[in-house]
N, C-alpha and C. Protein backbone atom coordinates (compact mmCIF):
# COMPACT_ATOMS: atom_id res chain seq x y z
N MET A 1 66.97 125.52 73.65
CA MET A 1 67.07 126.39 74.80
C MET A 1 65.79 126.28 75.60
N LYS A 2 65.89 126.00 76.88
CA LYS A 2 64.73 125.79 77.74
C LYS A 2 63.78 126.99 77.72
N PHE A 3 64.34 128.18 77.78
CA PHE A 3 63.54 129.40 77.80
C PHE A 3 62.66 129.51 76.56
N SER A 4 63.24 129.27 75.40
CA SER A 4 62.48 129.40 74.16
C SER A 4 61.41 128.34 74.03
N LEU A 5 61.71 127.14 74.49
CA LEU A 5 60.70 126.08 74.41
C LEU A 5 59.51 126.38 75.31
N ARG A 6 59.77 126.94 76.48
CA ARG A 6 58.68 127.29 77.39
C ARG A 6 57.81 128.38 76.77
N LEU A 7 58.41 129.32 76.09
CA LEU A 7 57.65 130.39 75.48
C LEU A 7 56.94 129.93 74.21
N LEU A 8 57.43 128.88 73.61
CA LEU A 8 56.82 128.36 72.39
C LEU A 8 55.52 127.62 72.68
N ALA A 9 55.33 127.17 73.92
CA ALA A 9 54.13 126.39 74.27
C ALA A 9 52.82 127.13 73.96
N PRO A 10 52.67 128.42 74.32
CA PRO A 10 51.42 129.08 73.98
C PRO A 10 51.19 129.17 72.47
N LEU A 11 52.27 129.33 71.71
CA LEU A 11 52.13 129.39 70.26
C LEU A 11 51.64 128.05 69.72
N CYS A 12 52.18 126.96 70.22
CA CYS A 12 51.73 125.64 69.77
C CYS A 12 50.28 125.39 70.17
N ALA A 13 49.94 125.83 71.38
CA ALA A 13 48.55 125.68 71.82
C ALA A 13 47.63 126.52 70.95
N ALA A 14 48.10 127.69 70.53
CA ALA A 14 47.30 128.53 69.63
C ALA A 14 47.08 127.83 68.31
N ALA A 15 48.10 127.15 67.83
CA ALA A 15 47.97 126.42 66.57
C ALA A 15 46.87 125.37 66.69
N ALA A 16 46.86 124.65 67.79
CA ALA A 16 45.83 123.64 68.00
C ALA A 16 44.45 124.27 68.07
N LEU A 17 44.36 125.41 68.73
CA LEU A 17 43.08 126.10 68.85
C LEU A 17 42.52 126.48 67.49
N PHE A 18 43.37 127.05 66.66
CA PHE A 18 42.90 127.52 65.37
C PHE A 18 42.46 126.38 64.48
N LEU A 19 42.86 125.19 64.84
CA LEU A 19 42.45 124.04 64.05
C LEU A 19 41.18 123.41 64.60
N SER A 20 40.67 123.92 65.73
CA SER A 20 39.45 123.36 66.30
C SER A 20 38.30 124.36 66.26
N GLY A 21 38.25 125.34 67.11
CA GLY A 21 37.40 126.50 67.07
C GLY A 21 35.93 126.49 67.45
N CYS A 22 35.21 127.67 67.31
CA CYS A 22 33.78 127.96 67.50
C CYS A 22 33.40 129.13 66.62
N SER A 23 32.47 130.05 66.99
CA SER A 23 32.18 131.17 66.07
C SER A 23 32.00 132.49 66.81
N SER A 24 32.38 133.58 66.16
CA SER A 24 32.23 134.92 66.74
C SER A 24 32.49 135.94 65.65
N GLY A 25 32.45 137.23 66.00
CA GLY A 25 32.66 138.28 65.02
C GLY A 25 34.13 138.48 64.68
N ASP A 26 35.04 137.91 65.46
CA ASP A 26 36.47 138.04 65.20
C ASP A 26 36.85 137.12 64.05
N ASP A 27 37.96 137.42 63.43
CA ASP A 27 38.42 136.69 62.26
C ASP A 27 39.65 135.85 62.64
N HIS A 28 39.69 134.61 62.19
CA HIS A 28 40.82 133.72 62.50
C HIS A 28 42.14 134.34 62.06
N ASP A 29 42.15 134.88 60.89
CA ASP A 29 43.38 135.47 60.35
C ASP A 29 43.86 136.63 61.22
N LYS A 30 42.93 137.47 61.65
CA LYS A 30 43.27 138.64 62.47
C LYS A 30 43.83 138.21 63.82
N VAL A 31 43.19 137.25 64.47
CA VAL A 31 43.67 136.79 65.77
C VAL A 31 45.05 136.14 65.61
N LEU A 32 45.22 135.38 64.57
CA LEU A 32 46.50 134.75 64.30
C LEU A 32 47.58 135.80 64.04
N ASP A 33 47.26 136.82 63.26
CA ASP A 33 48.20 137.91 63.00
C ASP A 33 48.58 138.62 64.29
N ASP A 34 47.59 138.84 65.16
CA ASP A 34 47.85 139.52 66.43
C ASP A 34 48.75 138.69 67.34
N ALA A 35 48.53 137.37 67.37
CA ALA A 35 49.39 136.49 68.17
C ALA A 35 50.81 136.50 67.59
N ALA A 36 50.92 136.43 66.27
CA ALA A 36 52.24 136.43 65.62
C ALA A 36 52.98 137.73 65.92
N ALA A 37 52.27 138.84 65.95
CA ALA A 37 52.90 140.12 66.25
C ALA A 37 53.51 140.12 67.65
N GLN A 38 52.84 139.46 68.60
CA GLN A 38 53.37 139.39 69.96
C GLN A 38 54.65 138.55 70.00
N TYR A 39 54.68 137.49 69.21
CA TYR A 39 55.89 136.66 69.17
C TYR A 39 57.04 137.41 68.50
N ASP A 40 56.74 138.24 67.51
CA ASP A 40 57.77 139.08 66.91
C ASP A 40 58.29 140.09 67.94
N ARG A 41 57.38 140.66 68.71
CA ARG A 41 57.78 141.59 69.77
C ARG A 41 58.70 140.90 70.77
N MET A 42 58.36 139.65 71.11
CA MET A 42 59.16 138.92 72.08
C MET A 42 60.57 138.68 71.55
N ALA A 43 60.68 138.25 70.31
CA ALA A 43 62.01 138.00 69.73
C ALA A 43 62.83 139.29 69.70
N LYS A 44 62.19 140.40 69.34
CA LYS A 44 62.91 141.68 69.30
C LYS A 44 63.33 142.13 70.69
N ALA A 45 62.47 141.92 71.67
CA ALA A 45 62.80 142.31 73.05
C ALA A 45 64.00 141.50 73.53
N LEU A 46 64.01 140.22 73.29
CA LEU A 46 65.13 139.39 73.73
C LEU A 46 66.41 139.76 72.97
N ALA A 47 66.28 140.08 71.70
CA ALA A 47 67.45 140.45 70.91
C ALA A 47 68.07 141.76 71.39
N SER A 48 67.26 142.58 72.06
CA SER A 48 67.75 143.88 72.51
C SER A 48 68.56 143.80 73.81
N VAL A 49 68.56 142.66 74.47
CA VAL A 49 69.25 142.55 75.76
C VAL A 49 70.76 142.46 75.56
N THR A 50 71.45 143.48 76.08
CA THR A 50 72.91 143.51 76.00
C THR A 50 73.54 143.84 77.36
N ASP A 51 72.79 144.54 78.20
CA ASP A 51 73.30 144.95 79.51
C ASP A 51 72.13 145.02 80.49
N LYS A 52 72.41 145.44 81.72
CA LYS A 52 71.35 145.47 82.74
C LYS A 52 70.19 146.38 82.35
N ALA A 53 70.49 147.55 81.82
CA ALA A 53 69.43 148.51 81.47
C ALA A 53 68.53 147.93 80.38
N SER A 54 69.13 147.36 79.35
CA SER A 54 68.32 146.79 78.27
C SER A 54 67.58 145.53 78.74
N ALA A 55 68.18 144.81 79.69
CA ALA A 55 67.51 143.62 80.25
C ALA A 55 66.26 144.02 81.03
N GLU A 56 66.38 145.10 81.79
CA GLU A 56 65.22 145.58 82.54
C GLU A 56 64.11 146.05 81.60
N LYS A 57 64.50 146.76 80.56
CA LYS A 57 63.51 147.23 79.58
C LYS A 57 62.85 146.04 78.87
N ALA A 58 63.64 145.06 78.47
CA ALA A 58 63.10 143.88 77.80
C ALA A 58 62.20 143.08 78.73
N GLY A 59 62.57 143.00 80.00
CA GLY A 59 61.74 142.29 80.97
C GLY A 59 60.37 142.92 81.10
N LYS A 60 60.33 144.24 81.14
CA LYS A 60 59.05 144.95 81.20
C LYS A 60 58.25 144.72 79.92
N GLU A 61 58.94 144.69 78.79
CA GLU A 61 58.27 144.42 77.51
C GLU A 61 57.66 143.01 77.53
N MET A 62 58.37 142.06 78.13
CA MET A 62 57.85 140.69 78.20
C MET A 62 56.55 140.64 78.99
N LYS A 63 56.46 141.43 80.05
CA LYS A 63 55.21 141.50 80.81
C LYS A 63 54.07 141.99 79.93
N SER A 64 54.35 143.03 79.16
CA SER A 64 53.35 143.60 78.27
C SER A 64 52.94 142.59 77.20
N ILE A 65 53.90 141.89 76.63
CA ILE A 65 53.62 140.89 75.61
C ILE A 65 52.76 139.77 76.18
N ALA A 66 53.10 139.33 77.37
CA ALA A 66 52.33 138.25 78.00
C ALA A 66 50.87 138.67 78.20
N GLU A 67 50.66 139.90 78.62
CA GLU A 67 49.30 140.39 78.81
C GLU A 67 48.54 140.45 77.49
N GLU A 68 49.21 140.89 76.44
CA GLU A 68 48.57 140.95 75.12
C GLU A 68 48.23 139.54 74.63
N LEU A 69 49.12 138.59 74.88
CA LEU A 69 48.82 137.21 74.47
C LEU A 69 47.64 136.64 75.24
N LYS A 70 47.50 137.03 76.50
CA LYS A 70 46.32 136.58 77.27
C LYS A 70 45.05 137.12 76.63
N LYS A 71 45.08 138.38 76.20
CA LYS A 71 43.91 138.96 75.54
C LYS A 71 43.63 138.25 74.22
N THR A 72 44.69 137.94 73.48
CA THR A 72 44.53 137.23 72.21
C THR A 72 43.97 135.84 72.45
N ALA A 73 44.42 135.17 73.50
CA ALA A 73 43.91 133.85 73.84
C ALA A 73 42.42 133.91 74.16
N THR A 74 42.01 134.96 74.86
CA THR A 74 40.60 135.13 75.18
C THR A 74 39.78 135.29 73.90
N ARG A 75 40.30 136.08 72.98
CA ARG A 75 39.62 136.24 71.68
C ARG A 75 39.57 134.90 70.95
N ALA A 76 40.67 134.17 71.02
CA ALA A 76 40.73 132.88 70.33
C ALA A 76 39.69 131.91 70.88
N GLN A 77 39.41 132.00 72.17
CA GLN A 77 38.41 131.12 72.77
C GLN A 77 37.03 131.33 72.14
N ALA A 78 36.80 132.52 71.63
CA ALA A 78 35.49 132.82 71.05
C ALA A 78 35.39 132.41 69.58
N LEU A 79 36.51 131.98 68.99
CA LEU A 79 36.50 131.61 67.58
C LEU A 79 36.01 130.18 67.36
N GLY A 80 35.42 129.97 66.23
CA GLY A 80 34.97 128.64 65.87
C GLY A 80 35.88 128.01 64.84
N GLU A 81 35.59 126.76 64.53
CA GLU A 81 36.37 126.08 63.50
C GLU A 81 36.13 126.77 62.17
N PRO A 82 37.22 127.12 61.51
CA PRO A 82 37.06 127.81 60.23
C PRO A 82 36.61 126.84 59.14
N PRO A 83 36.08 127.39 58.05
CA PRO A 83 35.76 126.54 56.91
C PRO A 83 37.03 125.82 56.43
N VAL A 84 36.85 124.73 55.72
CA VAL A 84 37.97 123.90 55.28
C VAL A 84 39.04 124.71 54.55
N ASP A 85 38.64 125.59 53.64
CA ASP A 85 39.63 126.37 52.89
C ASP A 85 40.41 127.33 53.79
N VAL A 86 39.77 127.90 54.78
CA VAL A 86 40.43 128.80 55.72
C VAL A 86 41.31 127.99 56.68
N LYS A 87 40.83 126.82 57.07
CA LYS A 87 41.57 125.98 58.01
C LYS A 87 42.95 125.63 57.45
N ALA A 88 43.02 125.28 56.19
CA ALA A 88 44.30 124.95 55.56
C ALA A 88 45.23 126.17 55.55
N LYS A 89 44.67 127.32 55.27
CA LYS A 89 45.47 128.56 55.27
C LYS A 89 46.01 128.84 56.67
N VAL A 90 45.17 128.65 57.69
CA VAL A 90 45.58 128.89 59.07
C VAL A 90 46.69 127.92 59.46
N GLU A 91 46.53 126.65 59.10
CA GLU A 91 47.57 125.66 59.41
C GLU A 91 48.92 126.07 58.81
N ASN A 92 48.90 126.46 57.55
CA ASN A 92 50.13 126.86 56.88
C ASN A 92 50.74 128.10 57.53
N LYS A 93 49.89 129.04 57.87
CA LYS A 93 50.37 130.28 58.49
C LYS A 93 50.97 129.99 59.87
N MET A 94 50.31 129.12 60.64
CA MET A 94 50.82 128.77 61.97
C MET A 94 52.19 128.09 61.86
N ARG A 95 52.35 127.21 60.91
CA ARG A 95 53.65 126.53 60.74
C ARG A 95 54.73 127.56 60.41
N ALA A 96 54.41 128.53 59.58
CA ALA A 96 55.38 129.55 59.21
C ALA A 96 55.74 130.43 60.42
N ILE A 97 54.75 130.80 61.20
CA ILE A 97 54.99 131.62 62.40
C ILE A 97 55.84 130.85 63.39
N GLU A 98 55.49 129.60 63.64
CA GLU A 98 56.23 128.77 64.58
C GLU A 98 57.68 128.61 64.12
N ALA A 99 57.90 128.36 62.84
CA ALA A 99 59.26 128.19 62.32
C ALA A 99 60.07 129.47 62.47
N LYS A 100 59.45 130.60 62.16
CA LYS A 100 60.15 131.88 62.27
C LYS A 100 60.54 132.17 63.72
N PHE A 101 59.61 131.93 64.64
CA PHE A 101 59.87 132.19 66.05
C PHE A 101 60.95 131.24 66.58
N SER A 102 60.84 129.97 66.25
CA SER A 102 61.82 128.98 66.71
C SER A 102 63.21 129.34 66.19
N GLN A 103 63.29 129.74 64.93
CA GLN A 103 64.57 130.10 64.34
C GLN A 103 65.16 131.32 65.04
N ALA A 104 64.33 132.30 65.32
CA ALA A 104 64.81 133.50 66.01
C ALA A 104 65.33 133.16 67.41
N MET A 105 64.61 132.30 68.12
CA MET A 105 65.01 131.93 69.47
C MET A 105 66.30 131.10 69.45
N GLU A 106 66.39 130.16 68.53
CA GLU A 106 67.59 129.34 68.42
C GLU A 106 68.81 130.18 68.08
N ALA A 107 68.64 131.16 67.23
CA ALA A 107 69.74 132.03 66.85
C ALA A 107 70.25 132.86 68.03
N GLN A 108 69.34 133.20 68.93
CA GLN A 108 69.71 134.03 70.08
C GLN A 108 70.25 133.23 71.25
N ALA A 109 69.99 131.94 71.29
CA ALA A 109 70.34 131.11 72.44
C ALA A 109 71.80 131.26 72.87
N PRO A 110 72.77 131.12 71.98
CA PRO A 110 74.16 131.24 72.43
C PRO A 110 74.48 132.61 73.02
N ARG A 111 73.93 133.65 72.40
CA ARG A 111 74.18 135.01 72.90
C ARG A 111 73.57 135.20 74.28
N ILE A 112 72.36 134.72 74.45
CA ILE A 112 71.68 134.88 75.74
C ILE A 112 72.40 134.09 76.83
N LYS A 113 72.83 132.88 76.50
CA LYS A 113 73.56 132.06 77.48
C LYS A 113 74.88 132.70 77.89
N ALA A 114 75.46 133.50 77.01
CA ALA A 114 76.75 134.13 77.28
C ALA A 114 76.62 135.43 78.07
N LEU A 115 75.40 135.92 78.28
CA LEU A 115 75.23 137.17 79.02
C LEU A 115 75.67 136.98 80.47
N PRO A 116 76.20 138.03 81.06
CA PRO A 116 76.60 137.96 82.47
C PRO A 116 75.39 137.66 83.37
N ALA A 117 75.66 137.00 84.47
CA ALA A 117 74.60 136.60 85.40
C ALA A 117 73.78 137.79 85.89
N ASP A 118 74.42 138.96 86.11
CA ASP A 118 73.67 140.12 86.60
C ASP A 118 72.68 140.63 85.55
N VAL A 119 73.00 140.45 84.27
CA VAL A 119 72.09 140.86 83.20
C VAL A 119 70.88 139.92 83.17
N ILE A 120 71.14 138.62 83.27
CA ILE A 120 70.06 137.63 83.31
C ILE A 120 69.16 137.88 84.51
N GLU A 121 69.76 138.17 85.64
CA GLU A 121 68.99 138.42 86.87
C GLU A 121 68.15 139.69 86.72
N ALA A 122 68.69 140.72 86.10
CA ALA A 122 67.93 141.96 85.87
C ALA A 122 66.72 141.68 84.99
N PHE A 123 66.90 140.85 83.97
CA PHE A 123 65.79 140.49 83.09
C PHE A 123 64.71 139.74 83.86
N LYS A 124 65.12 138.76 84.63
CA LYS A 124 64.16 137.96 85.42
C LYS A 124 63.39 138.84 86.39
N LYS A 125 64.10 139.73 87.06
CA LYS A 125 63.46 140.61 88.03
C LYS A 125 62.46 141.54 87.34
N ALA A 126 62.85 142.11 86.21
CA ALA A 126 61.98 143.05 85.49
C ALA A 126 60.77 142.35 84.88
N SER A 127 60.95 141.11 84.44
CA SER A 127 59.81 140.40 83.83
C SER A 127 58.85 139.88 84.88
N GLY A 128 59.30 139.80 86.12
CA GLY A 128 58.43 139.47 87.25
C GLY A 128 57.51 138.29 87.01
N ASP A 129 56.23 138.56 86.99
CA ASP A 129 55.23 137.50 86.87
C ASP A 129 54.86 137.19 85.42
N ALA A 130 55.70 137.56 84.48
CA ALA A 130 55.42 137.27 83.07
C ALA A 130 55.26 135.77 82.85
N ASP A 131 56.02 134.96 83.60
CA ASP A 131 55.88 133.50 83.47
C ASP A 131 54.46 133.07 83.77
N THR A 132 53.87 133.64 84.80
CA THR A 132 52.49 133.31 85.16
C THR A 132 51.54 133.72 84.05
N ALA A 133 51.76 134.89 83.48
CA ALA A 133 50.92 135.35 82.38
C ALA A 133 51.06 134.44 81.17
N TRP A 134 52.30 133.98 80.88
CA TRP A 134 52.50 133.05 79.77
C TRP A 134 51.71 131.77 80.01
N LEU A 135 51.78 131.27 81.23
CA LEU A 135 51.04 130.04 81.57
C LEU A 135 49.54 130.26 81.45
N ASP A 136 49.06 131.42 81.88
CA ASP A 136 47.64 131.74 81.77
C ASP A 136 47.21 131.77 80.31
N ALA A 137 48.03 132.39 79.46
CA ALA A 137 47.70 132.45 78.03
C ALA A 137 47.69 131.05 77.43
N SER A 138 48.68 130.26 77.76
CA SER A 138 48.75 128.88 77.26
C SER A 138 47.53 128.09 77.70
N ALA A 139 47.15 128.23 78.97
CA ALA A 139 45.98 127.52 79.49
C ALA A 139 44.71 127.97 78.77
N ALA A 140 44.61 129.25 78.48
CA ALA A 140 43.43 129.77 77.77
C ALA A 140 43.34 129.18 76.37
N PHE A 141 44.47 129.10 75.67
CA PHE A 141 44.47 128.49 74.34
C PHE A 141 44.10 127.01 74.44
N LYS A 142 44.65 126.31 75.40
CA LYS A 142 44.36 124.88 75.56
C LYS A 142 42.90 124.66 75.92
N LYS A 143 42.37 125.52 76.79
CA LYS A 143 40.96 125.40 77.18
C LYS A 143 40.07 125.59 75.97
N ALA A 144 40.39 126.56 75.16
CA ALA A 144 39.60 126.81 73.96
C ALA A 144 39.69 125.62 73.00
N ASP A 145 40.84 124.99 72.96
CA ASP A 145 41.03 123.86 72.07
C ASP A 145 40.20 122.65 72.50
N LYS A 146 39.89 122.56 73.79
CA LYS A 146 39.15 121.40 74.31
C LYS A 146 37.65 121.59 74.30
N ARG A 147 37.17 122.73 73.82
CA ARG A 147 35.74 123.02 73.79
C ARG A 147 35.01 122.06 72.89
């Protein structure tokens, strides 16, 4: 599903970031957990869409999630490469998060595609500039990865 793949990009960029890094008072595990929580929120928000009212609510939630991911990306930029033992743990955790999110999105794809056009339009309208925020978060993760 095109929508899920576009949203998966920041998560993949986050995975790359956590494998490169820098140093700060934040913890790799904590930042990773916070990013994963946002992806769980996203899957739940999309799963809640059944009609125009729920689509509008989910769209607003997507805006909030995008903003939180931008904050998480900023924190991630301050992180350094973890020690070898932590790096392996982070890699494994990222693969598990990515698999869980991908599975959730794939499971929802047929249902979302079957929603009436007015419901999809309500979601798009309510989510507004969330796409821009997603791109900003993805760019922040990628920028951190290139440090």
